[in-house]
């Protein structure tokens, strides 16, 4: 059937076929695939954080989600040859990896700051993508900083270089 006949677009090039046998009740499997709270826990690479903004699994429904670090900071996310999840920053200066299986770093010991062009704008992006501001701009004056927690609860800092007069 084509779009003109039914009013429905051909989506064969965007379908996912997944076959697996689970030792769990059918209702729980359905929730794991259709309830945003469940999907956010497992969708994507191990250790990755997603925020689900909208999810309607009916035909023609919409699914909007955010991969926090990619969306907020423009990082590219990749899987290394050894299977570890890694990132590269948006300007090609910093690469790193996440260590899986640890509890979120909610209390900073060594606090990592991410340099950004605009702490205020980045703070807004953090909030819009499921993070929280835990220390607003101004607490470290005259430095331009803020601290945030990502959707998993890890606390990091934002730093903006002051403009030179």
Protein backbone atom coordinates (compact mmCIF):
# COMPACT_ATOMS: atom_id res chain seq x y z
CA UNK A 1 0.00 0.00 0.00
CA UNK A 2 1.35 3.47 -0.76
CA UNK A 3 0.76 6.71 1.05
CA UNK A 4 -1.86 7.89 -1.42
CA UNK A 5 -4.01 4.78 -0.88
CA UNK A 6 -4.15 4.70 2.92
CA UNK A 7 -2.93 8.03 4.24
CA UNK A 8 -0.20 6.12 6.07
CA UNK A 9 3.45 6.54 5.07
CA UNK A 10 5.55 3.47 4.32
CA UNK A 11 7.79 3.07 7.36
CA UNK A 12 9.56 -0.18 6.41
CA UNK A 13 12.92 1.65 6.33
CA UNK A 14 12.39 2.84 9.95
CA UNK A 15 11.15 -0.34 11.61
CA UNK A 16 12.98 -2.31 14.27
CA UNK A 17 12.39 -6.05 14.45
CA UNK A 18 13.48 -7.58 17.74
CA UNK A 19 13.02 -11.24 18.61
CA UNK A 20 13.98 -12.61 22.01
CA UNK A 21 12.50 -14.91 24.62
CA UNK A 22 12.25 -13.41 28.11
CA UNK A 23 11.59 -15.31 31.33
CA UNK A 24 9.14 -12.69 32.61
CA UNK A 25 5.41 -11.99 32.52
CA UNK A 26 4.12 -10.52 29.26
CA UNK A 27 2.77 -7.43 31.08
CA UNK A 28 6.22 -6.61 32.48
CA UNK A 29 7.86 -6.97 29.06
CA UNK A 30 5.22 -4.66 27.58
CA UNK A 31 5.94 -2.03 30.27
CA UNK A 32 9.69 -2.34 29.69
CA UNK A 33 9.15 -1.38 26.03
CA UNK A 34 6.34 1.15 26.42
CA UNK A 35 6.64 2.91 29.79
CA UNK A 36 9.08 5.86 29.55
CA UNK A 37 10.35 5.26 33.10
CA UNK A 38 11.37 1.71 32.19
CA UNK A 39 12.73 2.56 28.73
CA UNK A 40 14.98 5.31 30.12
CA UNK A 41 16.69 2.68 32.30
CA UNK A 42 17.85 0.44 29.46
CA UNK A 43 17.66 2.21 26.08
CA UNK A 44 21.07 2.91 24.55
CA UNK A 45 24.56 1.76 25.46
CA UNK A 46 25.24 0.49 28.97
CA UNK A 47 25.95 3.41 31.30
CA UNK A 48 24.29 5.98 29.03
CA UNK A 49 21.63 8.39 30.28
CA UNK A 50 18.48 9.27 28.35
CA UNK A 51 15.57 11.54 29.17
CA UNK A 52 12.27 10.62 27.53
CA UNK A 53 10.21 13.72 26.77
CA UNK A 54 7.35 12.10 24.90
CA UNK A 55 6.58 8.50 24.07
CA UNK A 56 3.56 7.18 22.21
CA UNK A 57 4.15 3.65 20.88
CA UNK A 58 0.96 3.48 18.84
CA UNK A 59 1.34 3.47 15.04
CA UNK A 60 2.08 7.05 14.00
CA UNK A 61 3.04 7.98 17.57
CA UNK A 62 5.96 10.18 18.51
CA UNK A 63 9.03 9.27 20.57
CA UNK A 64 11.29 12.15 21.62
CA UNK A 65 14.26 11.45 23.87
CA UNK A 66 17.49 13.19 24.73
CA UNK A 67 20.94 11.74 25.17
CA UNK A 68 22.10 14.22 27.80
CA UNK A 69 25.81 14.82 27.07
CA UNK A 70 25.39 14.74 23.31
CA UNK A 71 22.54 17.24 23.40
CA UNK A 72 23.82 19.60 26.11
CA UNK A 73 27.52 19.68 25.20
CA UNK A 74 27.62 18.47 21.58
CA UNK A 75 29.78 15.48 22.47
CA UNK A 76 29.94 12.59 20.05
CA UNK A 77 29.36 9.26 21.75
CA UNK A 78 31.06 6.11 20.48
CA UNK A 79 31.87 2.58 21.50
CA UNK A 80 35.60 1.85 21.68
CA UNK A 81 37.15 -1.33 20.32
CA UNK A 82 37.16 -2.82 23.84
CA UNK A 83 33.40 -2.17 24.19
CA UNK A 84 33.72 0.79 26.57
CA UNK A 85 31.46 3.78 25.99
CA UNK A 86 33.53 6.86 25.14
CA UNK A 87 33.01 10.51 24.23
CA UNK A 88 34.78 13.19 22.23
CA UNK A 89 34.02 16.83 22.91
CA UNK A 90 32.58 19.10 20.23
CA UNK A 91 35.89 20.84 19.41
CA UNK A 92 38.22 17.83 19.30
CA UNK A 93 40.21 18.75 22.42
CA UNK A 94 39.01 16.22 25.00
CA UNK A 95 38.17 12.53 24.81
CA UNK A 96 37.22 10.25 27.65
CA UNK A 97 35.25 7.25 28.77
CA UNK A 98 32.67 6.42 31.40
CA UNK A 99 33.37 3.72 33.94
CA UNK A 100 30.31 1.53 34.27
CA UNK A 101 28.86 -0.04 37.36
CA UNK A 102 29.67 2.76 39.82
CA UNK A 103 27.20 4.71 41.88
CA UNK A 104 26.62 8.30 40.70
CA UNK A 105 29.15 10.82 42.05
CA UNK A 106 26.61 12.95 43.90
CA UNK A 107 29.08 14.43 46.39
CA UNK A 108 32.02 15.99 44.58
CA UNK A 109 35.47 15.16 45.88
CA UNK A 110 37.47 16.12 42.84
CA UNK A 111 35.06 18.28 40.86
CA UNK A 112 35.43 18.27 37.08
CA UNK A 113 34.43 21.50 35.30
CA UNK A 114 33.38 21.54 31.66
CA UNK A 115 34.41 24.72 29.86
CA UNK A 116 31.52 26.24 27.92
CA UNK A 117 30.96 29.44 25.96
CA UNK A 118 28.05 30.54 28.14
CA UNK A 119 27.29 29.11 31.60
CA UNK A 120 23.79 30.65 31.68
CA UNK A 121 22.76 29.15 28.34
CA UNK A 122 24.31 25.79 29.20
CA UNK A 123 22.50 25.78 32.56
CA UNK A 124 19.22 26.20 30.70
CA UNK A 125 20.15 23.30 28.40
CA UNK A 126 21.02 21.15 31.43
CA UNK A 127 17.55 21.74 32.90
CA UNK A 128 15.76 21.28 29.57
CA UNK A 129 17.42 17.87 29.14
CA UNK A 130 16.69 16.36 32.53
CA UNK A 131 19.55 17.68 34.69
CA UNK A 132 19.42 20.00 37.69
CA UNK A 133 21.42 23.05 38.72
CA UNK A 134 22.83 22.35 42.20
CA UNK A 135 24.90 25.53 42.52
CA UNK A 136 23.79 28.57 40.51
CA UNK A 137 26.02 31.07 38.77
CA UNK A 138 27.70 33.47 41.16
CA UNK A 139 28.59 31.18 44.05
CA UNK A 140 32.28 31.14 43.01
CA UNK A 141 32.52 34.81 42.02
CA UNK A 142 34.47 36.32 40.41
CA UNK A 143 34.73 33.02 38.49
CA UNK A 144 31.81 32.32 36.15
CA UNK A 145 30.72 28.83 37.22
CA UNK A 146 27.73 26.71 38.08
CA UNK A 147 27.35 23.10 39.18
CA UNK A 148 24.83 20.64 37.85
CA UNK A 149 23.73 17.06 38.30
CA UNK A 150 23.11 14.99 35.20
CA UNK A 151 19.98 12.79 34.96
CA UNK A 152 21.88 9.94 36.69
CA UNK A 153 22.79 12.24 39.62
CA UNK A 154 26.49 12.85 38.90
CA UNK A 155 27.63 16.35 39.93
CA UNK A 156 29.93 18.31 37.60
CA UNK A 157 30.75 21.97 37.11
CA UNK A 158 30.39 24.45 34.27
CA UNK A 159 33.08 27.07 33.70
CA UNK A 160 33.10 30.12 31.40
CA UNK A 161 36.24 32.12 30.74
CA UNK A 162 35.78 35.75 31.73
CA UNK A 163 35.81 38.25 28.91
CA UNK A 164 38.99 40.30 28.74
CA UNK A 165 38.71 44.08 28.65
